[in-house]
N, C-alpha and C. Protein backbone atom coordinates (compact mmCIF):
# COMPACT_ATOMS: atom_id res chain seq x y z
N MET A 1 -42.69 16.30 10.33
CA MET A 1 -41.74 15.73 9.40
C MET A 1 -41.58 16.64 8.18
N PHE A 2 -42.68 17.00 7.51
CA PHE A 2 -42.59 17.89 6.35
C PHE A 2 -41.94 19.20 6.75
N GLU A 3 -42.34 19.71 7.92
CA GLU A 3 -41.79 20.99 8.35
C GLU A 3 -40.29 20.91 8.56
N ASP A 4 -39.81 19.78 9.08
CA ASP A 4 -38.36 19.62 9.25
C ASP A 4 -37.64 19.67 7.90
N ASP A 5 -38.19 18.94 6.92
CA ASP A 5 -37.58 18.94 5.58
C ASP A 5 -37.62 20.32 4.96
N LEU A 6 -38.76 20.99 5.10
CA LEU A 6 -38.89 22.33 4.54
C LEU A 6 -37.92 23.29 5.22
N GLU A 7 -37.81 23.16 6.53
CA GLU A 7 -36.90 24.03 7.28
C GLU A 7 -35.45 23.79 6.85
N LYS A 8 -35.07 22.51 6.71
CA LYS A 8 -33.70 22.15 6.37
C LYS A 8 -33.32 22.57 4.95
N HIS A 9 -34.25 22.47 4.04
CA HIS A 9 -33.91 22.67 2.63
C HIS A 9 -34.43 23.99 2.06
N VAL A 10 -35.72 24.21 2.14
CA VAL A 10 -36.31 25.39 1.51
C VAL A 10 -35.93 26.66 2.26
N SER A 11 -36.12 26.66 3.56
CA SER A 11 -35.84 27.87 4.34
C SER A 11 -34.37 28.26 4.27
N VAL A 12 -33.49 27.28 4.37
CA VAL A 12 -32.06 27.57 4.31
C VAL A 12 -31.70 28.15 2.95
N PHE A 13 -32.22 27.55 1.89
CA PHE A 13 -31.93 28.04 0.54
C PHE A 13 -32.51 29.42 0.34
N ALA A 14 -33.72 29.64 0.86
CA ALA A 14 -34.36 30.96 0.75
C ALA A 14 -33.49 32.01 1.44
N GLY A 15 -32.95 31.67 2.61
CA GLY A 15 -32.07 32.59 3.33
C GLY A 15 -30.81 32.91 2.55
N PHE A 16 -30.31 31.93 1.84
CA PHE A 16 -29.11 32.13 1.03
C PHE A 16 -29.39 33.07 -0.14
N ILE A 17 -30.55 32.92 -0.79
CA ILE A 17 -30.92 33.75 -1.94
C ILE A 17 -31.28 35.16 -1.49
N GLY A 18 -32.03 35.26 -0.39
CA GLY A 18 -32.42 36.57 0.11
C GLY A 18 -33.86 36.93 -0.24
N GLU A 19 -34.15 38.23 -0.19
CA GLU A 19 -35.52 38.70 -0.37
C GLU A 19 -36.11 38.41 -1.73
N GLN A 20 -35.28 38.17 -2.72
CA GLN A 20 -35.78 37.90 -4.07
C GLN A 20 -36.24 36.46 -4.26
N PHE A 21 -36.13 35.63 -3.22
CA PHE A 21 -36.47 34.21 -3.34
C PHE A 21 -37.96 34.00 -3.50
N ASN A 22 -38.33 33.22 -4.51
CA ASN A 22 -39.69 32.74 -4.72
C ASN A 22 -39.59 31.25 -4.97
N LEU A 23 -40.41 30.48 -4.29
CA LEU A 23 -40.39 29.03 -4.46
C LEU A 23 -41.24 28.65 -5.67
N MET A 24 -40.68 27.83 -6.54
CA MET A 24 -41.43 27.33 -7.68
C MET A 24 -41.52 25.82 -7.54
N HIS A 25 -42.72 25.31 -7.54
CA HIS A 25 -42.91 23.86 -7.52
C HIS A 25 -44.02 23.52 -8.49
N ASN A 26 -44.26 22.22 -8.69
CA ASN A 26 -45.14 21.81 -9.78
C ASN A 26 -46.57 21.46 -9.35
N ASN A 27 -46.99 21.90 -8.18
CA ASN A 27 -48.35 21.64 -7.69
C ASN A 27 -48.66 20.17 -7.49
N ALA A 28 -47.63 19.34 -7.35
CA ALA A 28 -47.87 17.95 -6.98
C ALA A 28 -48.53 17.95 -5.60
N ARG A 29 -49.29 16.92 -5.30
CA ARG A 29 -50.02 16.88 -4.03
C ARG A 29 -49.16 17.20 -2.81
N PRO A 30 -47.96 16.59 -2.68
CA PRO A 30 -47.15 16.93 -1.50
C PRO A 30 -46.77 18.41 -1.44
N HIS A 31 -46.56 19.03 -2.60
CA HIS A 31 -46.18 20.44 -2.64
C HIS A 31 -47.34 21.35 -2.31
N ALA A 32 -48.56 20.92 -2.66
CA ALA A 32 -49.74 21.76 -2.48
C ALA A 32 -50.51 21.44 -1.20
N ALA A 33 -49.98 20.55 -0.37
CA ALA A 33 -50.66 20.16 0.86
C ALA A 33 -50.82 21.36 1.79
N VAL A 34 -51.87 21.34 2.57
CA VAL A 34 -52.17 22.45 3.50
C VAL A 34 -50.99 22.67 4.45
N ILE A 35 -50.39 21.61 4.94
CA ILE A 35 -49.28 21.76 5.89
C ILE A 35 -48.11 22.50 5.24
N VAL A 36 -47.87 22.23 3.96
CA VAL A 36 -46.78 22.91 3.24
C VAL A 36 -47.15 24.37 3.01
N ARG A 37 -48.35 24.62 2.53
CA ARG A 37 -48.78 26.01 2.30
C ARG A 37 -48.73 26.82 3.60
N ASN A 38 -49.20 26.20 4.71
CA ASN A 38 -49.18 26.89 6.01
C ASN A 38 -47.75 27.21 6.45
N PHE A 39 -46.85 26.26 6.26
CA PHE A 39 -45.46 26.47 6.63
C PHE A 39 -44.86 27.62 5.83
N LEU A 40 -45.06 27.59 4.51
CA LEU A 40 -44.49 28.64 3.66
C LEU A 40 -45.03 30.01 4.05
N GLN A 41 -46.31 30.07 4.36
CA GLN A 41 -46.90 31.34 4.77
C GLN A 41 -46.32 31.79 6.11
N ALA A 42 -46.15 30.85 7.04
CA ALA A 42 -45.63 31.19 8.38
C ALA A 42 -44.22 31.75 8.34
N VAL A 43 -43.40 31.23 7.42
CA VAL A 43 -42.02 31.69 7.34
C VAL A 43 -41.82 32.77 6.27
N GLY A 44 -42.91 33.17 5.63
CA GLY A 44 -42.85 34.28 4.69
C GLY A 44 -42.24 33.95 3.34
N ILE A 45 -42.38 32.69 2.90
CA ILE A 45 -41.87 32.31 1.58
C ILE A 45 -43.03 32.30 0.60
N GLU A 46 -42.86 33.06 -0.47
CA GLU A 46 -43.90 33.14 -1.49
C GLU A 46 -43.68 32.05 -2.54
N ALA A 47 -44.75 31.34 -2.87
CA ALA A 47 -44.68 30.32 -3.92
C ALA A 47 -45.24 30.90 -5.21
N VAL A 48 -44.54 30.64 -6.29
CA VAL A 48 -44.96 31.10 -7.61
C VAL A 48 -46.17 30.27 -8.03
N GLU A 49 -47.22 30.95 -8.51
CA GLU A 49 -48.38 30.23 -9.04
C GLU A 49 -47.94 29.49 -10.30
N TRP A 50 -48.23 28.22 -10.36
CA TRP A 50 -47.77 27.40 -11.47
C TRP A 50 -48.86 26.43 -11.84
N SER A 51 -49.22 26.39 -13.07
CA SER A 51 -50.28 25.49 -13.53
C SER A 51 -49.84 24.04 -13.39
N SER A 52 -50.72 23.20 -12.87
CA SER A 52 -50.38 21.79 -12.74
C SER A 52 -50.35 21.10 -14.10
N ARG A 53 -50.83 21.77 -15.13
CA ARG A 53 -50.83 21.19 -16.48
C ARG A 53 -49.74 21.79 -17.37
N SER A 54 -48.80 22.48 -16.77
CA SER A 54 -47.75 23.11 -17.56
C SER A 54 -46.69 22.07 -17.94
N PRO A 55 -45.97 22.31 -19.04
CA PRO A 55 -44.90 21.38 -19.41
C PRO A 55 -43.78 21.43 -18.38
N ASP A 56 -43.19 20.30 -18.11
CA ASP A 56 -42.12 20.23 -17.12
C ASP A 56 -40.79 20.50 -17.80
N LEU A 57 -40.32 21.71 -17.67
CA LEU A 57 -39.07 22.10 -18.31
C LEU A 57 -37.88 22.10 -17.36
N ASN A 58 -38.11 21.76 -16.11
CA ASN A 58 -37.03 21.75 -15.14
C ASN A 58 -36.13 20.54 -15.40
N PRO A 59 -34.86 20.76 -15.75
CA PRO A 59 -33.97 19.63 -16.06
C PRO A 59 -33.80 18.66 -14.89
N ILE A 60 -33.94 19.12 -13.67
CA ILE A 60 -33.74 18.22 -12.53
C ILE A 60 -34.77 17.11 -12.51
N GLU A 61 -35.98 17.39 -13.00
CA GLU A 61 -37.01 16.35 -13.04
C GLU A 61 -36.58 15.21 -13.96
N HIS A 62 -35.97 15.54 -15.08
CA HIS A 62 -35.51 14.52 -16.02
C HIS A 62 -34.26 13.83 -15.49
N LEU A 63 -33.46 14.57 -14.76
CA LEU A 63 -32.26 13.99 -14.19
C LEU A 63 -32.61 12.96 -13.12
N TRP A 64 -33.66 13.23 -12.34
CA TRP A 64 -34.09 12.28 -11.31
C TRP A 64 -34.53 10.95 -11.92
N ASP A 65 -34.94 10.97 -13.16
CA ASP A 65 -35.39 9.75 -13.82
C ASP A 65 -34.25 8.73 -13.97
N ILE A 66 -33.03 9.22 -14.11
CA ILE A 66 -31.89 8.32 -14.33
C ILE A 66 -31.66 7.39 -13.13
N PRO A 67 -31.51 7.91 -11.89
CA PRO A 67 -31.36 6.99 -10.76
C PRO A 67 -32.60 6.10 -10.57
N GLY A 68 -33.78 6.64 -10.87
CA GLY A 68 -34.99 5.83 -10.74
C GLY A 68 -34.94 4.61 -11.64
N ARG A 69 -34.52 4.81 -12.88
CA ARG A 69 -34.40 3.68 -13.81
C ARG A 69 -33.31 2.72 -13.35
N GLN A 70 -32.20 3.26 -12.85
CA GLN A 70 -31.10 2.41 -12.40
C GLN A 70 -31.54 1.54 -11.23
N ILE A 71 -32.33 2.10 -10.33
CA ILE A 71 -32.80 1.32 -9.18
C ILE A 71 -33.72 0.20 -9.63
N ARG A 72 -34.60 0.50 -10.58
CA ARG A 72 -35.51 -0.53 -11.08
C ARG A 72 -34.77 -1.65 -11.80
N GLN A 73 -33.58 -1.37 -12.33
CA GLN A 73 -32.82 -2.38 -13.07
C GLN A 73 -31.83 -3.14 -12.19
N ARG A 74 -31.76 -2.82 -10.92
CA ARG A 74 -30.81 -3.50 -10.04
C ARG A 74 -31.14 -4.99 -9.93
N ARG A 75 -30.11 -5.79 -9.85
CA ARG A 75 -30.32 -7.23 -9.68
C ARG A 75 -30.89 -7.53 -8.30
N ARG A 76 -30.35 -6.84 -7.30
CA ARG A 76 -30.84 -7.02 -5.93
C ARG A 76 -31.96 -6.03 -5.70
N GLN A 77 -33.11 -6.53 -5.28
CA GLN A 77 -34.27 -5.68 -5.07
C GLN A 77 -34.06 -4.74 -3.89
N VAL A 78 -34.56 -3.54 -4.02
CA VAL A 78 -34.53 -2.56 -2.94
C VAL A 78 -35.80 -2.77 -2.14
N LEU A 79 -35.66 -3.23 -0.88
CA LEU A 79 -36.83 -3.62 -0.10
C LEU A 79 -37.16 -2.68 1.05
N THR A 80 -36.17 -1.95 1.54
CA THR A 80 -36.42 -1.08 2.69
C THR A 80 -36.13 0.36 2.31
N LEU A 81 -36.62 1.26 3.14
CA LEU A 81 -36.35 2.68 2.92
C LEU A 81 -34.85 2.96 3.00
N GLN A 82 -34.16 2.29 3.91
CA GLN A 82 -32.71 2.47 4.02
C GLN A 82 -32.00 2.00 2.76
N ASP A 83 -32.45 0.86 2.19
CA ASP A 83 -31.87 0.38 0.93
C ASP A 83 -32.11 1.39 -0.18
N LEU A 84 -33.32 1.93 -0.24
CA LEU A 84 -33.66 2.90 -1.27
C LEU A 84 -32.81 4.15 -1.13
N ARG A 85 -32.68 4.65 0.09
CA ARG A 85 -31.87 5.85 0.32
C ARG A 85 -30.43 5.61 -0.11
N ALA A 86 -29.87 4.47 0.26
CA ALA A 86 -28.48 4.16 -0.10
C ALA A 86 -28.33 4.01 -1.62
N ALA A 87 -29.28 3.34 -2.25
CA ALA A 87 -29.22 3.15 -3.70
C ALA A 87 -29.33 4.48 -4.44
N LEU A 88 -30.26 5.33 -4.00
CA LEU A 88 -30.42 6.65 -4.62
C LEU A 88 -29.16 7.49 -4.48
N GLN A 89 -28.60 7.48 -3.29
CA GLN A 89 -27.39 8.27 -3.07
C GLN A 89 -26.25 7.77 -3.94
N GLU A 90 -26.08 6.45 -4.00
CA GLU A 90 -25.02 5.88 -4.82
C GLU A 90 -25.22 6.23 -6.30
N ASP A 91 -26.44 6.04 -6.79
CA ASP A 91 -26.72 6.31 -8.20
C ASP A 91 -26.61 7.81 -8.51
N TRP A 92 -27.05 8.65 -7.57
CA TRP A 92 -26.97 10.10 -7.79
C TRP A 92 -25.51 10.55 -7.87
N GLU A 93 -24.67 10.02 -6.97
CA GLU A 93 -23.26 10.39 -6.96
C GLU A 93 -22.52 9.91 -8.21
N ASN A 94 -23.06 8.88 -8.86
CA ASN A 94 -22.41 8.33 -10.05
C ASN A 94 -23.07 8.76 -11.36
N LEU A 95 -23.92 9.79 -11.29
CA LEU A 95 -24.54 10.29 -12.52
C LEU A 95 -23.46 10.76 -13.48
N PRO A 96 -23.56 10.35 -14.72
CA PRO A 96 -22.56 10.82 -15.68
C PRO A 96 -22.74 12.31 -15.96
N GLN A 97 -21.65 13.04 -15.91
CA GLN A 97 -21.69 14.48 -16.17
C GLN A 97 -22.22 14.77 -17.57
N GLU A 98 -22.00 13.85 -18.48
CA GLU A 98 -22.51 14.01 -19.85
C GLU A 98 -24.04 14.06 -19.86
N ALA A 99 -24.68 13.27 -19.03
CA ALA A 99 -26.15 13.28 -18.96
C ALA A 99 -26.65 14.64 -18.47
N ILE A 100 -25.95 15.19 -17.50
CA ILE A 100 -26.33 16.50 -16.95
C ILE A 100 -26.15 17.57 -18.02
N GLN A 101 -25.02 17.55 -18.70
CA GLN A 101 -24.76 18.55 -19.76
C GLN A 101 -25.77 18.42 -20.89
N ASN A 102 -26.11 17.20 -21.27
CA ASN A 102 -27.07 17.00 -22.35
C ASN A 102 -28.43 17.60 -21.99
N LEU A 103 -28.84 17.45 -20.74
CA LEU A 103 -30.11 18.04 -20.33
C LEU A 103 -30.07 19.56 -20.43
N PHE A 104 -29.01 20.15 -19.94
CA PHE A 104 -28.92 21.61 -20.02
C PHE A 104 -28.82 22.10 -21.46
N GLN A 105 -28.10 21.38 -22.28
CA GLN A 105 -27.96 21.78 -23.68
C GLN A 105 -29.26 21.59 -24.45
N SER A 106 -30.16 20.76 -23.95
CA SER A 106 -31.44 20.53 -24.64
C SER A 106 -32.47 21.61 -24.33
N MET A 107 -32.19 22.48 -23.37
CA MET A 107 -33.17 23.47 -22.95
C MET A 107 -33.62 24.42 -24.07
N PRO A 108 -32.74 24.97 -24.89
CA PRO A 108 -33.23 25.85 -25.96
C PRO A 108 -34.22 25.13 -26.89
N ARG A 109 -33.92 23.88 -27.22
CA ARG A 109 -34.82 23.10 -28.07
C ARG A 109 -36.16 22.86 -27.38
N ARG A 110 -36.13 22.52 -26.10
CA ARG A 110 -37.36 22.28 -25.35
C ARG A 110 -38.21 23.55 -25.28
N LEU A 111 -37.57 24.66 -24.98
CA LEU A 111 -38.30 25.93 -24.90
C LEU A 111 -38.92 26.30 -26.25
N ALA A 112 -38.15 26.12 -27.32
CA ALA A 112 -38.68 26.43 -28.65
C ALA A 112 -39.89 25.55 -28.97
N THR A 113 -39.85 24.30 -28.57
CA THR A 113 -40.97 23.40 -28.82
C THR A 113 -42.21 23.86 -28.08
N VAL A 114 -42.06 24.27 -26.84
CA VAL A 114 -43.20 24.76 -26.05
C VAL A 114 -43.75 26.03 -26.68
N ILE A 115 -42.87 26.93 -27.07
CA ILE A 115 -43.32 28.19 -27.68
C ILE A 115 -44.08 27.91 -28.98
N ARG A 116 -43.56 27.02 -29.81
CA ARG A 116 -44.26 26.67 -31.06
C ARG A 116 -45.62 26.05 -30.78
N ALA A 117 -45.71 25.21 -29.77
CA ALA A 117 -46.97 24.54 -29.46
C ALA A 117 -48.04 25.51 -28.96
N ARG A 118 -47.63 26.61 -28.41
CA ARG A 118 -48.59 27.59 -27.86
C ARG A 118 -49.07 28.57 -28.90
N HIS A 119 -48.50 28.58 -30.09
CA HIS A 119 -48.92 29.53 -31.13
C HIS A 119 -49.83 28.88 -32.12
């Protein structure tokens, strides 16, 4: 199952980028699992070493929070995996472009904060 997802998403994207592709992930348990590491090694994808205690500056992580909150606020409870998939897709497709732009525009401020905290 993991290998199918990795093949469909990571390998295809790596092929699109080319030899300069390096996978960056946040060392969450699913990302650091032996099956994932073995797959990446087998297909020749190098993963960037990343501290599990590093600040999360990837805007997509914050963007994912929006559909998550919307699902928790739904009047009708999401009970099955199919319901969850449909709800996520609907909420993702309806993300306000303003929220996406705000996240990207906040990056200089976020980076400056991290740099100040490290000095």
